[in-house]
Amino acid sequence: MKFPILFISNLFCAALAISGTAQADQDKVLRVQIGNSGEAPYREHTSAEVLAAFNAAVLGQLIKTDENFNLFPGLLQKFEYDFKAKAYVLTLQPNLKFHNGRKVTSKDLEFSLLRGFFTKSNTFHTIYLNNIAGLDKIDAGRTKYTSGLVSGVKIIDELSVRVKLSHPNPSFLHSLTNPFFSLVPKEEMNSNFVSWKKIPVGAGPYRVLGKGFHEGKVNLELVDKGLEHATSKIEFYTSEAKGIHFDLVSSPSENQKKQLEVKYTSKPIAVRALFFNNKNELSRNQDFRNAIQYAIDRNEITSSLEGYDVVSEILPRHFWGRSGNGMNENIDLAKKYVSRIPKKLTEKFWEAGIFAGPKLSHKHKTIVRYLERQFARAGLKIKFVPTSEKFQSLESAKKFVFRVEGRIADYVDPLIMFASFREGSAFKYGYPIGDRKVRFDKLYSKAEDAEDFNRRIESVRELSKFVQKESIAIALGEERFAVGIDPKRIKSIGQQPQPLAIFLQNIELN
């Protein structure tokens, strides 16, 4: 069959138009790699770096903040303190809907604030929101969740709840900027209130397309049309993918650093530290802990790592300030402490965990290489093993003499950092024991009861000094967040107020 030349020409132009449209659609897609686990970014044990970026995009934020810590409406339209009732009043935006089409009500806000206390699973709720009144009546994993059960959270009307705290907390509203505590529909979650029945469903700017995680990625689509500069589609990967050029990569590998423009946050995202546990015989030994404290040469480690600064305290660097008590390597003193440890404990090799996912990155390999060498100089036989456990299990606590990980640096309320050392926190086996526990709890209560910032600051500094002096945990360095971007594709990363979370909805493409 013969076609007129004009008809063929029209077909060719149409093909070009379709091709051009496809290319334009591709140009609107933001391809990001967050983390390097290869696992779905919404699993129970997903690292905080991955989960923060994913939740910010899909679940959104109850309250937003800028880089100066000022608060702005997010999914909450209003948030205020009722001085008469001595409670916070939180009011949802009207006509808010979940991605499944259901209208959001105050019952959803109540559930979202409390779900982490009704599960045996470890959650950040127990660290950040544990001072909500009435939680002491909840037996995690056994008490059945019922609306109205927790006295500290009461529904006012269809859009508002009242939250009363058991202790004053000047930073409570800032905790609600964390995307871990945003709105979720109860019917979409499994009975543990942590994992999802199918795919994550939120009320944030992006919804999950299809069946969720496949081929190493999650596809997201913009639903908040009010975000004019946000990209319409996101391909969210959790590991390097062959043949894929990423527009943005968090914690880029050495090869990716050569291809992208790498930027580091000005403030640290975490204090990387060595955390002991109370279930391992050697880890409980105080002479062992003191030996580790003095065996470490922090300068040797951090000088070989980009984006790292020496620190010997758990309290991160910010406007709160530290206690000012430095700690330096003293190999002779370390050996002296080792000599006091029962020989049956020092004659064999022990394993230590490092939270790194299934395999060690260049950064993790560097830390491990120096630490193993430094411990050997002091006469300690310790070998590191990578672990993917976000919160340590009982089996690992018995096996590992300690664990190296980065614990998030909270800028608004660093008391949060020390809440992780309390019995009952998500870090179940890291609390001090014996007399040290009594003294720690006393110092913590003093800080918790402080009604103004000045007293709270001073109390937190005392806590930091105590943790350092008693070797409850040993800080190695402050870690600034590395982000690799392709400047040809990305015009601006926009406001990024939280060093750990990458707010993908704020990124503008060229």
Protein backbone atom coordinates (compact mmCIF):
# COMPACT_ATOMS: atom_id res chain seq x y z
CA MET A 1 0.00 0.00 0.00
CA LYS A 2 1.28 3.44 -0.94
CA PHE A 3 0.85 6.44 1.36
CA PRO A 4 0.83 10.04 0.20
CA ILE A 5 4.03 11.91 1.04
CA LEU A 6 2.00 14.42 3.04
CA PHE A 7 0.50 11.64 5.20
CA ILE A 8 3.96 10.13 5.91
CA SER A 9 5.24 13.60 6.79
CA ASN A 10 2.36 14.06 9.24
CA LEU A 11 3.10 10.69 10.84
CA PHE A 12 6.78 11.65 11.22
CA CYS A 13 5.86 14.98 12.87
CA ALA A 14 3.44 13.21 15.20
CA ALA A 15 6.17 10.73 16.17
CA LEU A 16 8.53 13.60 16.89
CA ALA A 17 5.85 15.27 19.00
CA ILE A 18 5.27 12.06 20.98
CA SER A 19 9.02 11.61 21.40
CA GLY A 20 9.37 15.21 22.54
CA THR A 21 6.52 14.80 25.01
CA ALA A 22 8.11 11.63 26.39
CA GLN A 23 11.43 13.42 26.78
CA ALA A 24 9.71 16.34 28.50
CA ASP A 25 7.96 13.91 30.87
CA GLN A 26 11.31 12.26 31.60
CA ASP A 27 12.83 15.65 32.37
CA LYS A 28 10.18 16.15 35.06
CA VAL A 29 11.23 12.99 36.90
CA LEU A 30 13.53 13.42 39.90
CA ARG A 31 15.74 10.36 40.42
CA VAL A 32 17.17 10.04 43.90
CA GLN A 33 19.14 7.44 45.79
CA ILE A 34 18.75 7.59 49.56
CA GLY A 35 20.84 5.09 51.53
CA ASN A 36 22.34 1.92 50.12
CA SER A 37 20.40 -0.99 51.65
CA GLY A 38 18.42 -1.94 48.56
CA GLU A 39 15.38 -2.52 50.79
CA ALA A 40 12.00 -0.81 50.70
CA PRO A 41 12.23 2.66 52.27
CA TYR A 42 9.28 2.01 54.59
CA ARG A 43 10.23 -1.21 56.38
CA GLU A 44 10.30 -1.42 60.18
CA HIS A 45 14.12 -1.54 60.26
CA THR A 46 14.74 1.06 57.54
CA SER A 47 17.53 3.46 58.51
CA ALA A 48 16.48 6.90 59.77
CA GLU A 49 18.17 8.61 56.79
CA VAL A 50 15.94 6.75 54.31
CA LEU A 51 12.76 6.75 56.36
CA ALA A 52 12.98 10.49 57.09
CA ALA A 53 13.13 11.44 53.40
CA PHE A 54 10.41 8.96 52.43
CA ASN A 55 8.05 9.93 55.26
CA ALA A 56 8.53 13.66 54.61
CA ALA A 57 7.40 13.08 51.02
CA VAL A 58 4.55 10.61 51.60
CA LEU A 59 3.34 11.28 55.15
CA GLY A 60 4.23 14.98 55.22
CA GLN A 61 4.77 17.03 58.39
CA LEU A 62 2.33 18.05 61.08
CA ILE A 63 4.35 21.24 61.56
CA LYS A 64 7.00 22.71 59.28
CA THR A 65 10.12 24.61 60.25
CA ASP A 66 12.67 26.78 58.50
CA GLU A 67 16.43 26.75 58.97
CA ASN A 68 16.09 29.16 61.93
CA PHE A 69 13.77 26.75 63.81
CA ASN A 70 10.68 28.94 63.29
CA LEU A 71 7.43 26.97 63.17
CA PHE A 72 4.82 27.08 60.37
CA PRO A 73 1.55 25.24 59.63
CA GLY A 74 1.90 21.89 57.88
CA LEU A 75 -0.87 19.30 58.08
CA LEU A 76 -1.82 21.15 61.24
CA GLN A 77 -3.53 24.47 60.60
CA LYS A 78 -3.04 25.68 64.18
CA PHE A 79 -0.92 24.66 67.16
CA GLU A 80 -0.93 26.59 70.42
CA TYR A 81 -0.50 26.23 74.15
CA ASP A 82 -3.57 26.63 76.34
CA PHE A 83 -2.13 28.16 79.53
CA LYS A 84 -5.39 27.67 81.43
CA ALA A 85 -5.58 23.93 80.66
CA LYS A 86 -1.77 23.60 80.64
CA ALA A 87 -1.99 21.63 77.42
CA TYR A 88 -1.27 21.94 73.70
CA VAL A 89 -4.15 22.28 71.25
CA LEU A 90 -3.50 20.86 67.78
CA THR A 91 -5.93 21.56 64.93
CA LEU A 92 -5.85 19.86 61.52
CA GLN A 93 -6.17 21.61 58.19
CA PRO A 94 -9.82 21.42 57.01
CA ASN A 95 -10.75 19.08 54.13
CA LEU A 96 -7.53 17.08 54.49
CA LYS A 97 -7.58 13.64 52.82
CA PHE A 98 -5.39 10.55 52.89
CA HIS A 99 -4.11 9.18 49.59
CA ASN A 100 -6.76 6.44 49.80
CA GLY A 101 -9.43 9.16 49.53
CA ARG A 102 -10.64 9.07 53.15
CA LYS A 103 -11.08 12.33 55.03
CA VAL A 104 -8.63 12.93 57.89
CA THR A 105 -10.13 13.52 61.36
CA SER A 106 -8.85 14.20 64.86
CA LYS A 107 -9.08 10.46 65.60
CA ASP A 108 -6.35 9.93 63.00
CA LEU A 109 -4.21 12.59 64.68
CA GLU A 110 -4.72 10.90 68.05
CA PHE A 111 -3.77 7.49 66.64
CA SER A 112 -0.72 8.84 64.80
CA LEU A 113 0.68 10.44 67.96
CA LEU A 114 0.15 7.31 70.07
CA ARG A 115 0.59 4.28 67.78
CA GLY A 116 4.24 3.80 68.72
CA PHE A 117 3.31 3.10 72.35
CA PHE A 118 0.92 0.24 71.53
CA THR A 119 3.45 -2.03 69.83
CA LYS A 120 6.24 -4.34 70.90
CA SER A 121 8.26 -2.95 68.00
CA ASN A 122 10.83 -0.27 68.75
CA THR A 123 9.82 3.20 67.54
CA PHE A 124 11.01 6.80 67.80
CA HIS A 125 7.73 7.62 69.58
CA THR A 126 9.19 6.23 72.82
CA ILE A 127 12.14 8.63 72.58
CA TYR A 128 10.53 11.86 71.36
CA LEU A 129 6.97 11.72 72.71
CA ASN A 130 7.38 9.69 75.90
CA ASN A 131 6.29 12.52 78.19
CA ILE A 132 2.66 12.53 77.05
CA ALA A 133 0.55 12.13 80.20
CA GLY A 134 -1.08 8.75 80.76
CA LEU A 135 1.41 6.59 78.86
CA ASP A 136 2.46 4.87 82.08
CA LYS A 137 -0.87 3.00 81.97
CA ILE A 138 0.02 1.38 78.62
CA ASP A 139 1.59 -2.08 78.43
CA ALA A 140 3.26 -1.97 75.00
CA GLY A 141 2.10 -4.78 72.71
CA ARG A 142 -0.56 -5.99 75.16
CA THR A 143 -2.83 -3.02 75.82
CA LYS A 144 -5.31 -2.76 72.94
CA TYR A 145 -5.41 0.65 71.28
CA THR A 146 -8.65 2.47 71.93
CA SER A 147 -9.45 6.10 71.20
CA GLY A 148 -9.58 8.08 74.45
CA LEU A 149 -7.57 5.53 76.45
CA VAL A 150 -4.51 7.77 77.00
CA SER A 151 -5.47 10.59 79.37
CA GLY A 152 -2.94 13.00 77.86
CA VAL A 153 -4.55 13.04 74.39
CA LYS A 154 -8.20 14.09 74.23
CA ILE A 155 -10.34 14.80 71.18
CA ILE A 156 -11.95 18.27 71.26
CA ASP A 157 -13.87 18.13 67.98
CA GLU A 158 -13.58 16.62 64.49
CA LEU A 159 -10.34 18.49 63.74
CA SER A 160 -8.73 19.22 67.12
CA VAL A 161 -7.04 17.34 69.96
CA ARG A 162 -5.64 18.48 73.31
CA VAL A 163 -2.24 17.08 74.37
CA LYS A 164 -1.16 17.28 78.01
CA LEU A 165 2.41 16.43 79.06
CA SER A 166 3.53 14.76 82.27
CA HIS A 167 6.60 17.04 82.41
CA PRO A 168 7.23 20.47 80.86
CA ASN A 169 8.91 20.37 77.47
CA PRO A 170 9.65 23.71 75.76
CA SER A 171 10.46 21.82 72.55
CA PHE A 172 7.35 19.62 72.19
CA LEU A 173 6.03 21.39 69.09
CA HIS A 174 9.44 21.17 67.41
CA SER A 175 9.32 17.39 67.90
CA LEU A 176 6.15 17.36 65.77
CA THR A 177 8.13 18.67 62.78
CA ASN A 178 9.66 15.19 62.62
CA PRO A 179 8.01 13.24 59.74
CA PHE A 180 8.11 10.01 61.81
CA PHE A 181 5.04 11.24 63.73
CA SER A 182 2.90 12.42 60.85
CA LEU A 183 -0.62 11.25 59.94
CA VAL A 184 -1.32 7.62 59.03
CA PRO A 185 -4.67 5.85 58.53
CA LYS A 186 -5.09 3.00 61.05
CA GLU A 187 -6.89 0.77 58.55
CA GLU A 188 -3.85 0.70 56.23
CA MET A 189 -1.48 -0.56 58.93
CA ASN A 190 -0.82 -4.05 60.28
CA SER A 191 -1.74 -4.86 63.88
CA ASN A 192 1.76 -3.85 65.09
CA PHE A 193 0.99 -0.25 63.96
CA VAL A 194 4.48 -0.02 62.42
CA SER A 195 4.35 -1.98 59.15
CA TRP A 196 1.94 -1.50 56.25
CA LYS A 197 -0.64 -3.99 54.93
CA LYS A 198 0.18 -3.09 51.33
CA ILE A 199 1.77 0.28 50.59
CA PRO A 200 2.31 3.38 52.75
CA VAL A 201 -0.63 5.78 52.72
CA GLY A 202 -0.30 9.29 54.07
CA ALA A 203 -1.56 12.82 53.55
CA GLY A 204 1.76 14.25 52.37
CA PRO A 205 2.67 15.90 49.06
CA TYR A 206 3.42 12.60 47.24
CA ARG A 207 1.57 9.29 46.97
CA VAL A 208 3.05 5.87 46.27
CA LEU A 209 2.24 4.48 42.80
CA GLY A 210 1.53 0.84 42.00
CA LYS A 211 2.21 -1.95 44.47
CA GLY A 212 5.06 -0.19 46.25
CA PHE A 213 8.69 -1.23 46.11
CA HIS A 214 9.85 -3.04 42.96
CA GLU A 215 13.04 -3.30 40.95
CA GLY A 216 14.88 -1.49 43.74
CA LYS A 217 12.73 1.62 43.68
CA VAL A 218 9.47 3.28 44.68
CA ASN A 219 7.62 5.55 42.28
CA LEU A 220 6.03 8.65 43.78
CA GLU A 221 3.55 11.08 42.22
CA LEU A 222 2.86 14.66 43.33
CA VAL A 223 -0.68 15.19 44.67
CA ASP A 224 -0.21 18.59 46.34
CA LYS A 225 -0.80 20.95 43.43
CA GLY A 226 0.02 23.92 45.64
CA LEU A 227 3.73 23.07 45.40
CA GLU A 228 4.47 24.88 42.14
CA HIS A 229 8.20 24.10 41.92
CA ALA A 230 8.02 20.49 43.11
CA THR A 231 8.76 17.80 40.52
CA SER A 232 5.67 15.83 39.43
CA LYS A 233 7.28 12.38 39.68
CA ILE A 234 10.03 10.87 41.81
CA GLU A 235 11.91 7.62 41.34
CA PHE A 236 13.13 6.80 44.85
CA TYR A 237 15.97 4.21 44.93
CA THR A 238 17.63 2.73 48.01
CA SER A 239 20.81 1.50 46.31
CA GLU A 240 22.95 2.20 43.28
CA ALA A 241 21.33 0.96 40.07
CA LYS A 242 23.22 -0.01 36.94
CA GLY A 243 22.59 2.38 34.06
CA ILE A 244 20.71 4.92 36.19
CA HIS A 245 22.05 8.45 36.53
CA PHE A 246 20.84 9.99 39.77
CA ASP A 247 20.00 13.65 40.19
CA LEU A 248 20.60 13.46 43.93
CA VAL A 249 22.35 10.92 46.17
CA SER A 250 22.56 10.93 49.95
CA SER A 251 25.87 9.72 51.42
CA PRO A 252 27.34 9.13 47.92
CA SER A 253 29.91 6.39 47.34
CA GLU A 254 33.48 7.21 46.31
CA ASN A 255 32.62 6.59 42.63
CA GLN A 256 29.50 8.76 42.82
CA LYS A 257 31.47 11.61 44.39
CA LYS A 258 33.49 11.81 41.16
CA GLN A 259 30.32 12.29 39.10
CA LEU A 260 28.32 14.62 41.35
CA GLU A 261 28.81 17.90 43.16
CA VAL A 262 29.05 16.97 46.85
CA LYS A 263 27.81 19.30 49.55
CA TYR A 264 28.02 18.83 53.34
CA THR A 265 25.58 20.24 55.85
CA SER A 266 27.02 22.96 58.07
CA LYS A 267 25.67 21.26 61.19
CA PRO A 268 26.16 17.59 62.11
CA ILE A 269 23.30 15.16 61.55
CA ALA A 270 24.53 12.73 64.16
CA VAL A 271 27.10 11.99 66.79
CA ARG A 272 28.80 8.76 65.76
CA ALA A 273 29.54 6.90 68.93
CA LEU A 274 30.28 3.57 70.52
CA PHE A 275 27.29 2.33 72.55
CA PHE A 276 27.70 -0.34 75.20
CA ASN A 277 24.92 -2.70 76.27
CA ASN A 278 24.01 -4.37 79.55
CA LYS A 279 23.51 -7.93 78.27
CA ASN A 280 27.11 -8.80 77.38
CA GLU A 281 29.50 -9.81 80.20
CA LEU A 282 32.48 -7.86 78.88
CA SER A 283 30.35 -4.85 77.92
CA ARG A 284 29.08 -4.60 81.52
CA ASN A 285 32.65 -4.51 82.88
CA GLN A 286 33.52 -0.91 83.85
CA ASP A 287 37.28 -1.42 83.44
CA PHE A 288 36.62 -2.55 79.85
CA ARG A 289 34.54 0.56 79.17
CA ASN A 290 37.22 2.82 80.60
CA ALA A 291 39.90 1.02 78.57
CA ILE A 292 37.93 1.64 75.37
CA GLN A 293 37.49 5.30 76.31
CA TYR A 294 41.26 5.89 76.49
CA ALA A 295 42.29 3.54 73.67
CA ILE A 296 40.54 5.60 70.99
CA ASP A 297 42.46 8.20 68.99
CA ARG A 298 39.63 10.31 67.55
CA ASN A 299 41.95 12.58 65.56
CA GLU A 300 43.42 9.61 63.69
CA ILE A 301 39.92 8.47 62.67
CA THR A 302 38.24 11.75 61.75
CA SER A 303 41.24 13.13 59.84
CA SER A 304 40.68 10.36 57.28
CA LEU A 305 36.96 11.07 56.82
CA GLU A 306 35.28 13.93 54.96
CA GLY A 307 32.50 15.69 56.83
CA TYR A 308 33.69 14.53 60.25
CA ASP A 309 34.72 16.60 63.27
CA VAL A 310 36.36 15.35 66.47
CA VAL A 311 34.08 15.21 69.49
CA SER A 312 34.35 13.40 72.82
CA GLU A 313 30.85 14.17 74.14
CA ILE A 314 27.43 12.84 73.16
CA LEU A 315 25.95 16.35 73.26
CA PRO A 316 26.09 17.68 69.67
CA ARG A 317 27.51 21.04 68.65
CA HIS A 318 24.86 23.78 68.60
CA PHE A 319 23.59 26.71 70.61
CA TRP A 320 23.18 24.59 73.76
CA GLY A 321 26.94 24.22 74.11
CA ARG A 322 28.87 21.37 75.67
CA SER A 323 30.26 20.77 79.16
CA GLY A 324 33.74 21.51 77.80
CA ASN A 325 35.26 18.33 79.16
CA GLY A 326 37.63 16.98 76.48
CA MET A 327 38.88 13.40 76.29
CA ASN A 328 42.19 12.37 74.69
CA GLU A 329 43.87 9.07 73.89
CA ASN A 330 46.02 7.64 76.69
CA ILE A 331 47.27 4.21 75.67
CA ASP A 332 49.12 3.58 78.94
CA LEU A 333 45.98 4.27 80.95
CA ALA A 334 43.99 2.07 78.56
CA LYS A 335 46.41 -0.83 79.14
CA LYS A 336 46.17 -0.30 82.89
CA TYR A 337 42.37 -0.72 82.74
CA VAL A 338 42.74 -3.80 80.49
CA SER A 339 45.02 -5.43 83.08
CA ARG A 340 42.17 -5.20 85.62
CA ILE A 341 39.72 -7.13 83.41
CA PRO A 342 39.44 -10.89 84.20
CA LYS A 343 41.75 -12.76 81.80
CA LYS A 344 38.98 -15.13 80.72
CA LEU A 345 37.35 -12.10 79.08
CA THR A 346 40.42 -10.67 77.35
CA GLU A 347 41.99 -13.88 76.02
CA LYS A 348 39.36 -14.46 73.33
CA PHE A 349 38.14 -12.46 70.33
CA TRP A 350 34.88 -10.53 70.71
CA GLU A 351 32.57 -9.19 68.04
CA ALA A 352 31.29 -5.61 67.91
CA GLY A 353 28.45 -4.41 65.71
CA ILE A 354 28.51 -1.47 63.33
CA PHE A 355 25.20 -0.22 61.92
CA ALA A 356 26.04 -0.23 58.23
CA GLY A 357 23.46 -2.34 56.42
CA PRO A 358 24.48 -5.60 54.71
CA LYS A 359 27.97 -4.39 53.78
CA LEU A 360 30.52 -1.81 54.86
CA SER A 361 30.87 1.44 52.93
CA HIS A 362 34.21 3.23 52.50
CA LYS A 363 33.36 5.35 55.57
CA HIS A 364 32.54 2.32 57.69
CA LYS A 365 35.64 0.43 56.55
CA THR A 366 37.80 3.39 57.57
CA ILE A 367 36.25 3.58 61.04
CA VAL A 368 36.58 -0.19 61.54
CA ARG A 369 40.20 -0.29 60.36
CA TYR A 370 41.35 2.39 62.81
CA LEU A 371 39.31 1.18 65.77
CA GLU A 372 40.43 -2.45 65.47
CA ARG A 373 44.05 -1.29 65.28
CA GLN A 374 43.67 1.05 68.27
CA PHE A 375 42.00 -1.62 70.40
CA ALA A 376 44.74 -4.11 69.54
CA ARG A 377 47.36 -1.60 70.75
CA ALA A 378 45.65 -1.64 74.14
CA GLY A 379 45.56 -5.44 74.24
CA LEU A 380 41.90 -5.97 73.25
CA LYS A 381 40.78 -8.50 70.62
CA ILE A 382 37.76 -7.04 68.89
CA LYS A 383 36.42 -7.62 65.37
CA PHE A 384 33.60 -5.60 63.80
CA VAL A 385 30.56 -7.13 62.11
CA PRO A 386 28.08 -5.12 59.96
CA THR A 387 24.48 -5.15 61.17
CA SER A 388 21.19 -3.95 59.66
CA GLU A 389 19.33 -3.77 62.97
CA LYS A 390 18.14 -0.22 63.57
CA PHE A 391 17.36 -1.15 67.18
CA GLN A 392 19.48 -3.86 68.74
CA SER A 393 17.85 -7.23 69.43
CA LEU A 394 18.44 -9.24 72.62
CA GLU A 395 20.47 -11.78 70.63
CA SER A 396 22.80 -9.05 69.31
CA ALA A 397 23.06 -7.39 72.73
CA LYS A 398 24.34 -10.66 74.19
CA LYS A 399 26.71 -11.22 71.27
CA PHE A 400 28.25 -7.77 70.70
CA VAL A 401 30.50 -6.05 73.26
CA PHE A 402 29.28 -2.73 71.88
CA ARG A 403 27.90 -1.22 68.72
CA VAL A 404 29.01 1.76 66.63
CA GLU A 405 26.28 3.90 65.08
CA GLY A 406 25.29 7.49 64.46
CA ARG A 407 22.65 8.77 66.83
CA ILE A 408 20.61 11.70 65.53
CA ALA A 409 21.63 15.15 66.76
CA ASP A 410 18.44 16.92 67.80
CA TYR A 411 19.03 20.68 67.61
CA VAL A 412 15.94 21.87 69.37
CA ASP A 413 15.94 19.54 72.36
CA PRO A 414 19.13 17.54 72.90
CA LEU A 415 17.54 15.91 75.96
CA ILE A 416 16.11 13.60 73.28
CA MET A 417 19.61 12.18 72.80
CA PHE A 418 19.76 11.19 76.46
CA ALA A 419 16.24 9.76 76.47
CA SER A 420 17.73 6.91 74.42
CA PHE A 421 19.74 5.85 77.52
CA ARG A 422 16.65 5.42 79.67
CA GLU A 423 15.17 2.06 80.52
CA GLY A 424 12.11 1.52 78.32
CA SER A 425 13.41 3.46 75.31
CA ALA A 426 13.66 1.92 71.83
CA PHE A 427 17.35 1.25 72.54
CA LYS A 428 16.35 -1.45 75.02
CA TYR A 429 19.72 -2.68 76.24
CA GLY A 430 21.76 0.52 76.33
CA TYR A 431 20.71 1.94 79.68
CA PRO A 432 23.24 2.06 82.55
CA ILE A 433 22.91 -0.38 85.45
CA GLY A 434 23.41 -0.31 89.22
CA ASP A 435 24.42 2.93 90.90
CA ARG A 436 25.13 4.58 87.54
CA LYS A 437 21.51 4.06 86.53
CA VAL A 438 20.29 5.70 89.74
CA ARG A 439 22.54 8.72 89.24
CA PHE A 440 21.71 8.99 85.51
CA ASP A 441 17.94 8.87 86.17
CA LYS A 442 18.30 11.56 88.83
CA LEU A 443 20.15 13.87 86.43
CA TYR A 444 17.66 13.13 83.64
CA SER A 445 14.67 13.92 85.88
CA LYS A 446 16.31 17.21 86.87
CA ALA A 447 16.62 18.18 83.19
CA GLU A 448 13.12 16.92 82.37
CA ASP A 449 11.54 18.98 85.15
CA ALA A 450 13.31 22.21 84.17
CA GLU A 451 10.68 24.79 83.24
CA ASP A 452 12.90 27.19 81.33
CA PHE A 453 15.65 26.83 78.73
CA ASN A 454 18.51 28.06 80.92
CA ARG A 455 17.94 25.41 83.58
CA ARG A 456 17.35 22.76 80.94
CA ILE A 457 20.59 23.65 79.15
CA GLU A 458 22.62 23.41 82.34
CA SER A 459 21.03 20.08 83.27
CA VAL A 460 21.65 18.61 79.84
CA ARG A 461 25.31 19.60 80.04
CA GLU A 462 25.54 17.77 83.37
CA LEU A 463 24.04 14.68 81.73
CA SER A 464 26.53 14.84 78.89
CA LYS A 465 29.45 15.09 81.28
CA PHE A 466 28.15 12.15 83.31
CA VAL A 467 27.73 9.90 80.24
CA GLN A 468 31.29 10.74 79.19
CA LYS A 469 32.89 10.36 82.63
CA GLU A 470 31.18 7.03 83.37
CA SER A 471 31.81 5.65 79.85
CA ILE A 472 28.11 4.92 79.31
CA ALA A 473 28.72 5.72 75.64
CA ILE A 474 31.85 6.95 73.86
CA ALA A 475 31.62 9.64 71.19
CA LEU A 476 33.93 9.33 68.17
CA GLY A 477 32.98 12.27 65.97
CA GLU A 478 30.24 14.50 64.64
CA GLU A 479 29.03 13.52 61.19
CA ARG A 480 27.82 16.10 58.69
CA PHE A 481 25.42 14.90 56.02
CA ALA A 482 26.83 14.50 52.50
CA VAL A 483 24.55 15.05 49.51
CA GLY A 484 25.66 14.64 45.91
CA ILE A 485 23.71 16.55 43.25
CA ASP A 486 23.84 16.96 39.49
CA PRO A 487 23.84 20.76 39.02
CA LYS A 488 22.82 20.36 35.37
CA ARG A 489 19.55 18.80 36.51
CA ILE A 490 18.90 20.46 39.86
CA LYS A 491 18.31 24.20 39.93
CA SER A 492 17.85 24.42 43.71
CA ILE A 493 17.50 22.04 46.64
CA GLY A 494 15.33 24.65 48.38
CA GLN A 495 14.81 24.82 52.14
CA GLN A 496 16.41 21.84 53.90
CA PRO A 497 15.94 22.68 57.59
CA GLN A 498 16.67 19.25 59.09
CA PRO A 499 20.16 17.91 58.39
CA LEU A 500 19.03 14.26 58.37
CA ALA A 501 15.84 14.51 56.28
CA ILE A 502 16.00 15.47 52.61
CA PHE A 503 12.76 17.24 51.72
CA LEU A 504 12.33 16.10 48.13
CA GLN A 505 9.26 18.30 47.65
CA ASN A 506 11.50 21.39 48.03
CA ILE A 507 13.84 20.45 45.19
CA GLU A 508 13.45 22.39 41.93
CA LEU A 509 14.68 20.94 38.62
CA ASN A 510 16.16 22.96 35.77
